[in-house]
Amino acid sequence: MDKDHCGFCQRSRWTELKDKISDTISQMYTPQIMFDISPESIDDKQILTVQVFPGNATPYYIKSQGKENGTYIRLGTTTRNADWISLDELINRGRHIFYDALPYTNLPVTESDIAYLCKDFSERAKREITRKDLENFNLLIGNDKNIATNAYAILLGKHAYTSRIQCARFRGKERVDFLDKKDYEGPLCEQIDNAYKFVLNHLHMAIEINGIVHTEHYELPAQAIRELIINAAIHRNYQQAASIQVAVYDDRVEISSPGSWYGTLTLEEALSGRSSIRNQTLARTLEKIDVLEGWGSGFKRILALCANYDVQKPEFLEIGDLLRVNFYRPSYKERADKSAIKHEGMHKKEKKGKQASNVTDHDRVNVMANDRVNVMVNDRVIEIIRMNPAINVVEIANALQKSERQTRRIISELKKNGILKRVGADKNGHWEVKASN
């Protein structure tokens, strides 16, 4: 048999196999899946590669098992049957329907709620927002525009108990010992504001003095933290019985949002600026009132802020059916580096003896590092007191992760230098911080 005839037989077999695979896929699944089958050579072996393209006619399921049992989803490295929440979202996506735009019939539309939203939105947008605007945002629907949507209920804080943001400060790097804890419910924009303030309250801040101008710098870019919290609020799945969680550890800020990437969106696509919004009514409303700058630009802006701030960009993770962002704190690494410098300096001093004239470069660096740490701690105490002038010493100590004795010593030094003043009794009094000149 000649070589051309053998090649013809081989191509014929590949064509036959390709047709069988195509027929099997077409018969097993519905709606029709878009795919491509092509031959490839790997290590001198011929294989057929099946490439399945993302589709929008969701859900795609195995005909013989039916829609409820035959729909599967991919979570991380595992494949599982779609639960009713995932299936409902897939059905809505296939119909180009968004959950936040659906009616929330349990909530009557009242003039007081409308007045609150209009007032709050007007202050944020710096222009008048009226009921007509709420209707144009699709927050109110129906022939008479008197039916609340899920987005309307979420923005008012009247959607569900789990539509909230939980915040916590933990000791160390593990979710074990609470140092501070707050649960923020109510209107969504207030939740975002409070969660943002909570994080800043637990970050280190330095004050840069340039002449008479004092500039405050947090260890992480504050605007990037706010963007991350806003993104969590917009992209989360409000059908899931879980809350957004914002946790501050010694080494990082961690933001966890219920719901994986929406639709066919991937992390790489999101970071490159592609947008696939799960809650389009919420996103559009927050954009119109200047809380959100623009769809799809948030992640790119966060990366730009980190580059300008010269800090490590956030780590984005997909863990099962939630998204998590880890924003690592440079102060933790700096403390570790300073500790290493201190240890090395002490080791060298021990070898050279305790002579004042033998102060090493490492000792000088350590003294300078300690001075910077003291300034940072003092600034942190001032910021804590500014946030809550009625706070007591024990609460300040907890926020600083220091003993009560150390905290009292720090406060005593600040009072001695005229920076802090105690007004009234220990129990019912308050602190006053001297204004900067």
Protein backbone atom coordinates (compact mmCIF):
# COMPACT_ATOMS: atom_id res chain seq x y z
CA MET A 1 0.00 0.00 0.00
CA ASP A 2 1.50 3.35 -1.02
CA LYS A 3 2.12 6.23 1.40
CA ASP A 4 -0.58 8.46 -0.10
CA HIS A 5 -3.19 5.76 0.40
CA CYS A 6 -2.13 5.30 4.09
CA GLY A 7 -2.39 9.06 4.63
CA PHE A 8 -5.85 9.07 3.09
CA CYS A 9 -6.98 6.26 5.44
CA GLN A 10 -5.60 8.13 8.47
CA ARG A 11 -7.42 11.33 7.51
CA SER A 12 -10.58 9.35 6.95
CA ARG A 13 -10.39 7.81 10.44
CA TRP A 14 -9.79 11.25 12.02
CA THR A 15 -12.76 12.66 10.14
CA GLU A 16 -14.94 9.77 11.27
CA LEU A 17 -13.88 10.18 14.91
CA LYS A 18 -14.40 13.95 14.74
CA ASP A 19 -17.93 13.45 13.41
CA LYS A 20 -18.76 10.96 16.17
CA ILE A 21 -17.57 13.37 18.87
CA SER A 22 -19.57 16.20 17.31
CA ASP A 23 -22.71 14.06 17.15
CA THR A 24 -22.29 12.92 20.77
CA ILE A 25 -21.93 16.48 22.07
CA SER A 26 -24.89 17.70 20.03
CA GLN A 27 -27.11 14.86 21.25
CA MET A 28 -26.09 15.05 24.93
CA TYR A 29 -26.32 18.77 25.65
CA THR A 30 -28.81 21.57 25.25
CA PRO A 31 -28.85 24.42 24.27
CA GLN A 32 -26.49 23.92 21.35
CA ILE A 33 -22.87 24.22 22.48
CA MET A 34 -20.42 26.06 20.26
CA PHE A 35 -17.17 24.11 19.93
CA ASP A 36 -14.32 23.33 17.57
CA ILE A 37 -12.49 20.02 17.04
CA SER A 38 -9.03 20.08 15.52
CA PRO A 39 -6.11 17.60 15.23
CA GLU A 40 -2.82 18.33 16.96
CA SER A 41 0.56 16.62 17.20
CA ILE A 42 2.09 16.21 20.67
CA ASP A 43 5.27 14.15 21.13
CA ASP A 44 4.79 12.53 17.72
CA LYS A 45 1.28 11.52 18.67
CA GLN A 46 -1.86 12.68 16.93
CA ILE A 47 -4.74 13.83 19.15
CA LEU A 48 -8.03 15.62 18.67
CA THR A 49 -8.51 18.80 20.72
CA VAL A 50 -12.04 19.91 21.59
CA GLN A 51 -12.32 23.63 22.35
CA VAL A 52 -15.63 24.72 23.89
CA PHE A 53 -16.46 28.41 23.55
CA PRO A 54 -18.27 30.40 26.27
CA GLY A 55 -21.93 30.95 25.54
CA ASN A 56 -24.66 33.26 26.81
CA ALA A 57 -27.65 30.92 26.40
CA THR A 58 -27.21 29.57 29.94
CA PRO A 59 -27.78 27.15 31.54
CA TYR A 60 -26.19 24.43 29.40
CA TYR A 61 -27.11 21.00 30.74
CA ILE A 62 -27.15 17.25 30.01
CA LYS A 63 -30.44 16.45 28.31
CA SER A 64 -30.93 13.04 29.92
CA GLN A 65 -30.54 14.46 33.45
CA GLY A 66 -32.72 17.52 32.94
CA LYS A 67 -32.00 21.16 33.78
CA GLU A 68 -32.08 20.84 37.58
CA ASN A 69 -29.83 17.77 37.84
CA GLY A 70 -27.80 18.08 34.66
CA THR A 71 -26.40 21.59 35.11
CA TYR A 72 -22.82 21.63 36.40
CA ILE A 73 -20.60 24.51 37.47
CA ARG A 74 -16.86 24.81 37.94
CA LEU A 75 -15.59 26.09 41.31
CA GLY A 76 -11.83 26.32 41.46
CA THR A 77 -10.53 22.88 40.56
CA THR A 78 -13.78 21.06 41.26
CA THR A 79 -16.95 20.45 39.25
CA ARG A 80 -20.29 20.13 41.02
CA ASN A 81 -24.01 20.23 40.42
CA ALA A 82 -25.36 23.76 40.34
CA ASP A 83 -27.35 24.60 43.47
CA TRP A 84 -30.61 26.52 43.13
CA ILE A 85 -28.92 29.90 43.57
CA SER A 86 -26.35 29.21 40.83
CA LEU A 87 -29.01 27.71 38.58
CA ASP A 88 -31.31 30.70 39.09
CA GLU A 89 -28.51 33.08 38.21
CA LEU A 90 -27.65 31.06 35.09
CA ILE A 91 -31.31 31.10 33.99
CA ASN A 92 -31.50 34.86 34.51
CA ARG A 93 -28.23 35.41 32.64
CA GLY A 94 -29.53 33.37 29.72
CA ARG A 95 -32.57 35.66 29.61
CA HIS A 96 -30.41 38.82 30.05
CA ILE A 97 -32.10 39.48 33.41
CA PHE A 98 -30.22 40.78 36.46
CA TYR A 99 -31.22 39.93 40.01
CA ASP A 100 -30.86 43.46 41.34
CA ALA A 101 -33.30 44.71 38.67
CA LEU A 102 -36.04 42.25 39.71
CA PRO A 103 -38.96 43.44 41.89
CA TYR A 104 -38.62 43.23 45.68
CA THR A 105 -42.28 42.91 46.54
CA ASN A 106 -41.77 42.63 50.30
CA LEU A 107 -40.83 46.30 50.56
CA PRO A 108 -43.49 49.01 50.11
CA VAL A 109 -42.27 52.23 48.51
CA THR A 110 -42.65 55.07 51.02
CA GLU A 111 -42.04 58.81 50.75
CA SER A 112 -39.67 58.72 53.72
CA ASP A 113 -37.40 56.13 52.06
CA ILE A 114 -37.43 58.06 48.79
CA ALA A 115 -36.63 61.29 50.65
CA TYR A 116 -33.67 59.59 52.38
CA LEU A 117 -32.19 58.25 49.14
CA CYS A 118 -32.67 61.57 47.33
CA LYS A 119 -31.00 63.51 50.15
CA ASP A 120 -28.08 61.07 50.52
CA PHE A 121 -27.53 60.75 46.77
CA SER A 122 -27.70 64.53 46.30
CA GLU A 123 -24.97 65.08 48.90
CA ARG A 124 -22.73 62.48 47.28
CA ALA A 125 -23.34 63.62 43.70
CA LYS A 126 -23.21 67.33 44.66
CA ARG A 127 -26.33 67.92 42.59
CA GLU A 128 -30.02 67.44 43.17
CA ILE A 129 -31.28 63.87 42.86
CA THR A 130 -35.07 63.51 42.65
CA ARG A 131 -37.56 60.66 42.59
CA LYS A 132 -37.51 60.92 38.80
CA ASP A 133 -33.80 60.11 38.90
CA LEU A 134 -34.48 57.03 41.03
CA GLU A 135 -36.98 55.92 38.40
CA ASN A 136 -34.44 56.55 35.62
CA PHE A 137 -31.89 54.50 37.55
CA ASN A 138 -34.47 51.63 37.43
CA LEU A 139 -34.62 51.51 41.21
CA LEU A 140 -38.40 51.91 40.94
CA ILE A 141 -40.28 49.98 38.27
CA GLY A 142 -43.81 49.17 37.15
CA ASN A 143 -46.38 51.14 35.20
CA ASP A 144 -46.71 53.69 38.00
CA LYS A 145 -43.05 53.40 39.07
CA ASN A 146 -44.10 52.37 42.54
CA ILE A 147 -42.53 48.89 42.78
CA ALA A 148 -39.23 48.48 44.58
CA THR A 149 -36.39 46.53 42.98
CA ASN A 150 -33.79 44.45 44.80
CA ALA A 151 -31.29 47.26 44.11
CA TYR A 152 -33.62 49.78 45.79
CA ALA A 153 -33.90 47.53 48.85
CA ILE A 154 -30.13 46.94 48.96
CA LEU A 155 -29.35 50.66 48.75
CA LEU A 156 -31.79 51.31 51.61
CA GLY A 157 -30.39 48.47 53.71
CA LYS A 158 -33.76 46.69 53.72
CA HIS A 159 -32.96 43.75 51.44
CA ALA A 160 -31.80 40.95 53.77
CA TYR A 161 -29.87 40.49 57.00
CA THR A 162 -26.87 39.14 55.09
CA SER A 163 -26.70 42.22 52.84
CA ARG A 164 -24.18 43.81 55.20
CA ILE A 165 -20.44 44.26 55.66
CA GLN A 166 -18.73 42.58 58.62
CA CYS A 167 -15.45 44.13 59.76
CA ALA A 168 -12.87 42.77 62.20
CA ARG A 169 -9.34 43.44 63.40
CA PHE A 170 -7.49 40.26 64.32
CA ARG A 171 -4.32 39.81 66.31
CA GLY A 172 -1.52 38.30 64.25
CA LYS A 173 -2.04 36.73 60.83
CA GLU A 174 -4.82 34.24 61.60
CA ARG A 175 -8.58 34.59 62.10
CA VAL A 176 -8.49 33.69 65.81
CA ASP A 177 -8.26 36.56 68.32
CA PHE A 178 -10.54 39.57 67.82
CA LEU A 179 -9.14 42.99 68.73
CA ASP A 180 -12.09 44.90 67.28
CA LYS A 181 -15.30 43.91 65.55
CA LYS A 182 -18.11 45.82 63.84
CA ASP A 183 -21.10 44.72 61.72
CA TYR A 184 -22.42 47.43 59.41
CA GLU A 185 -26.00 47.15 58.21
CA GLY A 186 -28.34 49.79 56.83
CA PRO A 187 -27.97 51.75 53.57
CA LEU A 188 -25.29 50.37 51.27
CA CYS A 189 -23.37 53.63 50.82
CA GLU A 190 -23.14 54.03 54.60
CA GLN A 191 -21.89 50.45 54.89
CA ILE A 192 -19.13 51.26 52.39
CA ASP A 193 -18.22 54.48 54.25
CA ASN A 194 -18.09 52.73 57.63
CA ALA A 195 -16.07 49.75 56.39
CA TYR A 196 -13.60 52.13 54.75
CA LYS A 197 -13.20 54.13 57.98
CA PHE A 198 -12.81 50.91 59.97
CA VAL A 199 -9.86 49.80 57.84
CA LEU A 200 -8.15 53.20 57.97
CA ASN A 201 -8.61 53.26 61.74
CA HIS A 202 -6.51 50.09 61.96
CA LEU A 203 -3.75 51.08 59.53
CA HIS A 204 -0.56 52.94 60.41
CA MET A 205 -0.34 56.53 59.30
CA ALA A 206 2.67 58.80 58.93
CA ILE A 207 2.57 62.60 58.82
CA GLU A 208 4.88 64.28 56.32
CA ILE A 209 5.77 67.84 57.35
CA ASN A 210 6.72 70.20 54.54
CA GLY A 211 6.97 73.70 55.93
CA ILE A 212 3.57 74.57 57.37
CA VAL A 213 1.80 71.86 55.35
CA HIS A 214 1.10 68.52 57.05
CA THR A 215 0.28 65.60 54.75
CA GLU A 216 -1.11 62.36 56.15
CA HIS A 217 -0.05 59.10 54.47
CA TYR A 218 -1.52 55.74 55.32
CA GLU A 219 0.69 52.71 54.77
CA LEU A 220 -1.65 51.57 51.96
CA PRO A 221 -3.34 53.86 49.40
CA ALA A 222 -6.67 54.81 50.98
CA GLN A 223 -8.43 55.26 47.64
CA ALA A 224 -7.45 51.74 46.57
CA ILE A 225 -8.96 50.34 49.77
CA ARG A 226 -12.19 52.21 49.10
CA GLU A 227 -12.28 50.94 45.50
CA LEU A 228 -11.84 47.35 46.70
CA ILE A 229 -14.73 47.68 49.17
CA ILE A 230 -16.97 49.28 46.51
CA ASN A 231 -16.10 46.50 44.06
CA ALA A 232 -17.02 43.89 46.66
CA ALA A 233 -20.40 45.58 47.20
CA ILE A 234 -21.14 45.77 43.48
CA HIS A 235 -19.92 42.35 42.37
CA ARG A 236 -21.16 40.21 45.27
CA ASN A 237 -24.02 37.75 44.82
CA TYR A 238 -26.91 39.12 46.91
CA GLN A 239 -28.81 35.84 46.54
CA GLN A 240 -26.26 34.06 48.74
CA ALA A 241 -26.87 33.96 52.48
CA ALA A 242 -23.44 35.41 53.30
CA SER A 243 -21.98 38.83 54.06
CA ILE A 244 -19.03 40.76 52.74
CA GLN A 245 -16.19 40.42 55.25
CA VAL A 246 -13.39 42.94 55.69
CA ALA A 247 -10.61 41.75 58.00
CA VAL A 248 -7.46 43.60 59.08
CA TYR A 249 -4.51 41.45 60.18
CA ASP A 250 -0.99 42.35 61.18
CA ASP A 251 0.25 41.62 57.66
CA ARG A 252 -2.70 42.35 55.38
CA VAL A 253 -6.18 43.69 54.71
CA GLU A 254 -8.45 40.88 53.52
CA ILE A 255 -11.76 41.49 51.69
CA SER A 256 -14.04 38.52 50.95
CA SER A 257 -17.11 38.83 48.73
CA PRO A 258 -19.81 36.14 48.21
CA GLY A 259 -20.00 34.96 44.61
CA SER A 260 -17.36 34.01 42.05
CA TRP A 261 -16.65 35.96 38.85
CA TYR A 262 -19.85 36.71 36.97
CA GLY A 263 -20.54 35.07 33.64
CA THR A 264 -17.48 34.14 31.61
CA LEU A 265 -15.26 36.81 33.17
CA THR A 266 -11.80 35.71 34.32
CA LEU A 267 -9.32 37.40 36.66
CA GLU A 268 -6.98 38.24 33.79
CA GLU A 269 -9.82 39.87 31.86
CA ALA A 270 -11.00 41.83 34.91
CA LEU A 271 -7.49 43.19 35.56
CA SER A 272 -7.16 44.18 31.92
CA GLY A 273 -10.33 46.29 32.16
CA ARG A 274 -13.03 43.97 30.81
CA SER A 275 -16.29 44.31 32.69
CA SER A 276 -19.06 41.81 33.41
CA ILE A 277 -21.34 43.31 36.05
CA ARG A 278 -23.54 41.04 38.16
CA ASN A 279 -25.57 43.95 39.60
CA GLN A 280 -25.98 46.43 36.77
CA THR A 281 -28.64 48.59 38.44
CA LEU A 282 -26.47 49.04 41.54
CA ALA A 283 -23.40 49.80 39.44
CA ARG A 284 -25.25 52.32 37.29
CA THR A 285 -26.71 54.07 40.34
CA LEU A 286 -23.39 54.34 42.17
CA GLU A 287 -21.79 55.65 39.01
CA LYS A 288 -24.48 58.31 38.59
CA ILE A 289 -24.00 59.57 42.16
CA ASP A 290 -20.18 59.62 41.83
CA VAL A 291 -19.48 56.80 44.27
CA LEU A 292 -18.21 54.62 41.43
CA GLU A 293 -16.07 56.23 38.72
CA GLY A 294 -16.80 53.88 35.85
CA TRP A 295 -17.57 50.28 34.97
CA GLY A 296 -14.56 48.06 34.50
CA SER A 297 -11.96 50.71 35.38
CA GLY A 298 -11.79 49.96 39.12
CA PHE A 299 -9.18 47.18 39.03
CA LYS A 300 -6.88 49.06 36.66
CA ARG A 301 -7.16 52.16 38.84
CA ILE A 302 -6.30 50.11 41.96
CA LEU A 303 -3.15 48.76 40.28
CA ALA A 304 -2.17 52.28 39.20
CA LEU A 305 -2.64 53.60 42.76
CA CYS A 306 -0.42 50.81 44.11
CA ALA A 307 2.28 51.60 41.54
CA ASN A 308 2.22 55.30 42.46
CA TYR A 309 2.29 54.43 46.16
CA ASP A 310 5.12 51.91 45.61
CA VAL A 311 3.34 49.10 47.43
CA GLN A 312 2.68 45.50 46.44
CA LYS A 313 -0.43 45.12 44.27
CA PRO A 314 -3.35 43.22 45.84
CA GLU A 315 -3.62 39.45 45.50
CA PHE A 316 -6.92 38.29 43.96
CA LEU A 317 -8.14 34.78 44.75
CA GLU A 318 -11.17 32.72 43.75
CA ILE A 319 -11.95 30.37 46.63
CA GLY A 320 -14.97 28.20 45.87
CA ASP A 321 -17.94 30.53 45.46
CA LEU A 322 -16.30 33.64 46.93
CA LEU A 323 -13.73 36.16 45.79
CA ARG A 324 -10.97 37.28 48.14
CA VAL A 325 -8.50 40.13 47.94
CA ASN A 326 -5.36 40.23 50.09
CA PHE A 327 -3.77 43.68 50.34
CA TYR A 328 -0.43 43.23 52.12
CA ARG A 329 0.70 45.85 54.62
CA PRO A 330 4.23 47.21 54.10
CA SER A 331 4.47 48.07 57.81
CA TYR A 332 4.51 44.35 58.68
CA LYS A 333 7.54 43.71 56.46
CA GLU A 334 9.23 46.86 57.77
CA ARG A 335 8.76 45.67 61.37
CA ALA A 336 10.24 42.29 60.44
CA ASP A 337 13.20 43.98 58.73
CA LYS A 338 13.77 46.27 61.72
CA SER A 339 13.63 43.30 64.06
CA ALA A 340 16.31 41.57 62.00
CA ILE A 341 18.46 44.72 62.03
CA LYS A 342 18.04 45.00 65.80
CA HIS A 343 18.99 41.35 66.33
CA GLU A 344 22.07 41.66 64.14
CA GLY A 345 23.11 44.90 65.83
CA MET A 346 22.78 43.39 69.31
CA HIS A 347 24.78 40.35 68.22
CA LYS A 348 27.62 42.52 66.96
CA LYS A 349 27.57 44.64 70.14
CA GLU A 350 27.88 41.52 72.28
CA LYS A 351 30.94 40.45 70.32
CA LYS A 352 32.62 43.86 70.53
CA GLY A 353 31.73 44.56 74.15
CA LYS A 354 29.58 47.21 75.76
CA GLN A 355 31.68 50.23 74.89
CA ALA A 356 29.91 53.46 74.02
CA SER A 357 32.55 54.30 71.46
CA ASN A 358 31.84 51.11 69.51
CA VAL A 359 28.36 52.02 68.28
CA THR A 360 27.86 50.17 64.96
CA ASP A 361 26.03 51.29 61.84
CA HIS A 362 23.38 48.71 62.66
CA ASP A 363 22.88 50.30 66.09
CA ARG A 364 22.41 53.70 64.48
CA VAL A 365 19.91 52.25 62.04
CA ASN A 366 18.11 50.59 64.92
CA VAL A 367 17.87 53.85 66.88
CA MET A 368 16.51 55.62 63.80
CA ALA A 369 14.05 52.77 63.20
CA ASN A 370 12.84 52.96 66.81
CA ASP A 371 12.34 56.70 66.46
CA ARG A 372 10.23 56.15 63.35
CA VAL A 373 8.22 53.44 65.10
CA ASN A 374 7.59 55.76 68.08
CA VAL A 375 6.37 58.53 65.77
CA MET A 376 4.10 56.04 63.99
CA VAL A 377 2.65 54.78 67.29
CA ASN A 378 2.05 58.33 68.51
CA ASP A 379 0.30 59.19 65.25
CA ARG A 380 -1.79 56.06 65.59
CA VAL A 381 -2.91 57.04 69.12
CA ILE A 382 -3.86 60.51 67.90
CA GLU A 383 -5.85 59.06 65.00
CA ILE A 384 -7.69 56.63 67.30
CA ILE A 385 -8.64 59.44 69.66
CA ARG A 386 -9.75 61.70 66.82
CA MET A 387 -12.06 58.94 65.60
CA ASN A 388 -13.49 58.47 69.11
CA PRO A 389 -12.65 61.20 71.68
CA ALA A 390 -14.53 59.30 74.43
CA ILE A 391 -12.40 56.15 74.05
CA ASN A 392 -10.74 54.82 77.20
CA VAL A 393 -7.16 53.65 77.75
CA VAL A 394 -8.03 49.95 77.66
CA GLU A 395 -9.73 50.34 74.28
CA ILE A 396 -6.75 52.31 72.95
CA ALA A 397 -4.41 49.57 74.18
CA ASN A 398 -6.48 46.93 72.37
CA ALA A 399 -6.41 48.92 69.13
CA LEU A 400 -2.62 49.36 69.44
CA GLN A 401 -2.05 45.72 70.44
CA LYS A 402 -0.04 46.95 73.43
CA SER A 403 -0.33 46.49 77.17
CA GLU A 404 -2.27 49.02 79.25
CA ARG A 405 0.98 50.07 80.98
CA GLN A 406 2.74 50.78 77.64
CA THR A 407 -0.30 52.69 76.40
CA ARG A 408 -0.47 54.86 79.52
CA ARG A 409 3.22 55.66 79.08
CA ILE A 410 2.64 56.76 75.47
CA ILE A 411 -0.37 58.87 76.45
CA SER A 412 1.56 60.43 79.35
CA GLU A 413 4.33 61.50 76.94
CA LEU A 414 1.80 63.00 74.52
CA LYS A 415 0.15 64.91 77.38
CA LYS A 416 3.55 66.09 78.60
CA ASN A 417 4.34 67.46 75.14
CA GLY A 418 1.01 69.30 75.03
CA ILE A 419 -0.38 67.18 72.19
CA LEU A 420 -3.13 65.50 74.23
CA LYS A 421 -5.39 66.85 76.93
CA ARG A 422 -7.89 65.00 79.10
CA VAL A 423 -11.11 66.89 79.83
CA GLY A 424 -13.35 65.61 82.62
CA ALA A 425 -13.26 62.45 84.68
CA ASP A 426 -11.80 59.15 83.47
CA LYS A 427 -15.25 57.58 83.17
CA ASN A 428 -17.30 60.30 81.50
CA GLY A 429 -14.63 62.63 80.13
CA HIS A 430 -13.06 62.92 76.71
CA TRP A 431 -9.75 63.63 74.97
CA GLU A 432 -8.76 66.74 73.07
CA VAL A 433 -6.00 66.77 70.45
CA LYS A 434 -4.04 69.96 70.00
CA ALA A 435 -4.53 71.32 66.49
CA SER A 436 -1.45 71.37 64.24
CA ASN A 437 0.10 74.77 63.63
